Amino acid sequence: MGYFYIAGTILFTVYGQLIIKWTMDRQGELPDGLLDKFLFLFQLIWNPWILSGFIAAFLAALSWMAAMTKFDISYAYPFMSLSFVLVFILSVLLFGEPISTQKIIGFAFVIIGILIMR
């Protein structure tokens, strides 16, 4: 069950990051003025997609709390690196973000690190 909690943490985290990126891409650029920036971001808090990202972050935190009852943090935390891998893959697929040799090498090091830490 502990791995289910870790997977939940990762999936909720990835969803939250991707949905906020997708929503922000649809909203356009941040305004220049400080007050305009604040109003722009404050108004987005009530966007249902942004709210779902916040809810996902909360659910990720709950999943992480549950995972901490099953594992030492030194064992569980490296698995959180999988969120970077998933965000990378999905950002390429969903948003057409560029792939570079450096990103692929970094991606490989993350996977190798997780395997070594196990």
Protein backbone atom coordinates (compact mmCIF):
# COMPACT_ATOMS: atom_id res chain seq x y z
CA MET A 1 0.00 0.00 0.00
CA GLY A 2 2.93 2.34 0.64
CA TYR A 3 3.90 2.36 -3.04
CA PHE A 4 0.31 3.27 -3.89
CA TYR A 5 0.70 6.36 -1.68
CA ILE A 6 3.96 7.30 -3.36
CA ALA A 7 2.35 6.83 -6.79
CA GLY A 8 -0.57 9.01 -5.70
CA THR A 9 1.82 11.72 -4.57
CA ILE A 10 3.63 11.64 -7.90
CA LEU A 11 0.49 11.54 -10.06
CA PHE A 12 -1.27 14.34 -8.18
CA THR A 13 1.91 16.45 -8.33
CA VAL A 14 2.33 15.90 -12.06
CA TYR A 15 -1.33 16.63 -12.76
CA GLY A 16 -1.17 19.87 -10.78
CA GLN A 17 1.95 21.09 -12.57
CA LEU A 18 0.65 20.25 -16.04
CA ILE A 19 -2.83 21.66 -15.54
CA ILE A 20 -1.48 24.94 -14.20
CA LYS A 21 0.94 25.20 -17.14
CA TRP A 22 -1.87 24.44 -19.61
CA THR A 23 -4.15 27.03 -18.02
CA MET A 24 -1.45 29.69 -17.90
CA ASP A 25 -0.60 29.12 -21.56
CA ARG A 26 -4.25 29.85 -22.37
CA GLN A 27 -4.28 33.02 -20.23
CA GLY A 28 -1.38 34.78 -21.88
CA GLU A 29 1.57 36.62 -20.45
CA LEU A 30 1.84 38.17 -17.02
CA PRO A 31 1.16 41.93 -17.16
CA ASP A 32 3.99 44.39 -16.53
CA GLY A 33 2.73 46.42 -13.56
CA LEU A 34 2.97 45.02 -10.05
CA LEU A 35 -0.70 45.64 -9.28
CA ASP A 36 -1.71 44.22 -12.66
CA LYS A 37 0.35 41.09 -11.94
CA PHE A 38 -1.31 40.66 -8.57
CA LEU A 39 -4.82 41.13 -10.00
CA PHE A 40 -4.09 38.80 -12.93
CA LEU A 41 -2.89 36.01 -10.63
CA PHE A 42 -5.54 36.60 -7.97
CA GLN A 43 -8.28 36.39 -10.58
CA LEU A 44 -6.88 33.06 -11.80
CA ILE A 45 -7.22 31.53 -8.35
CA TRP A 46 -10.93 31.10 -9.09
CA ASN A 47 -10.36 29.40 -12.44
CA PRO A 48 -11.71 25.83 -12.08
CA TRP A 49 -8.61 24.33 -13.71
CA ILE A 50 -6.27 26.22 -11.40
CA LEU A 51 -8.42 25.18 -8.44
CA SER A 52 -8.12 21.56 -9.56
CA GLY A 53 -4.33 22.00 -9.59
CA PHE A 54 -4.45 23.30 -6.01
CA ILE A 55 -6.68 20.41 -4.98
CA ALA A 56 -4.23 18.01 -6.62
CA ALA A 57 -1.40 19.57 -4.60
CA PHE A 58 -3.42 19.05 -1.43
CA LEU A 59 -4.15 15.43 -2.35
CA ALA A 60 -0.46 14.92 -3.13
CA ALA A 61 0.35 16.18 0.36
CA LEU A 62 -2.15 13.78 1.91
CA SER A 63 -0.72 10.90 -0.12
CA TRP A 64 2.78 11.86 0.99
CA MET A 65 1.70 11.92 4.62
CA ALA A 66 0.30 8.41 4.20
CA ALA A 67 3.51 7.27 2.49
CA MET A 68 5.53 8.59 5.42
CA THR A 69 3.73 6.12 7.69
CA LYS A 70 5.07 3.25 5.56
CA PHE A 71 8.62 4.26 4.57
CA ASP A 72 11.66 6.12 5.80
CA ILE A 73 11.88 9.47 4.03
CA SER A 74 15.39 8.62 2.83
CA TYR A 75 13.90 5.68 0.94
CA ALA A 76 10.68 7.30 -0.32
CA TYR A 77 11.90 10.74 -1.34
CA PRO A 78 14.02 9.67 -4.33
CA PHE A 79 10.83 8.32 -5.93
CA MET A 80 9.60 11.91 -6.07
CA SER A 81 12.16 12.43 -8.84
CA LEU A 82 9.81 10.45 -11.06
CA SER A 83 7.58 13.51 -11.10
CA PHE A 84 10.35 15.35 -12.97
CA VAL A 85 10.56 12.52 -15.48
CA LEU A 86 6.80 12.41 -16.04
CA VAL A 87 6.49 16.18 -16.34
CA PHE A 88 9.34 16.16 -18.88
CA ILE A 89 7.75 13.42 -21.01
CA LEU A 90 4.25 14.86 -20.82
CA SER A 91 5.41 18.44 -21.50
CA VAL A 92 6.96 17.19 -24.74
CA LEU A 93 3.83 15.26 -25.70
CA LEU A 94 1.20 17.77 -24.58
CA PHE A 95 2.90 21.13 -25.07
CA GLY A 96 5.45 20.35 -27.76
CA GLU A 97 8.31 21.48 -25.54
CA PRO A 98 11.76 20.81 -27.02
CA ILE A 99 13.88 17.77 -26.25
CA SER A 100 17.62 18.27 -25.92
CA THR A 101 20.55 15.98 -25.33
CA GLN A 102 21.09 17.61 -21.93
CA LYS A 103 17.50 16.87 -20.91
CA ILE A 104 17.81 13.24 -22.02
CA ILE A 105 21.06 12.82 -20.07
CA GLY A 106 19.48 14.43 -16.99
CA PHE A 107 16.44 12.19 -17.38
CA ALA A 108 18.74 9.13 -17.51
CA PHE A 109 20.64 10.25 -14.39
CA VAL A 110 17.38 10.63 -12.47
CA ILE A 111 16.33 7.08 -13.38
CA ILE A 112 19.77 5.68 -12.56
CA GLY A 113 19.74 7.52 -9.24
CA ILE A 114 16.38 6.07 -8.31
CA LEU A 115 17.58 2.57 -9.17
CA ILE A 116 20.77 3.01 -7.12
CA MET A 117 18.88 4.38 -4.10
CA ARG A 118 16.55 1.38 -3.97
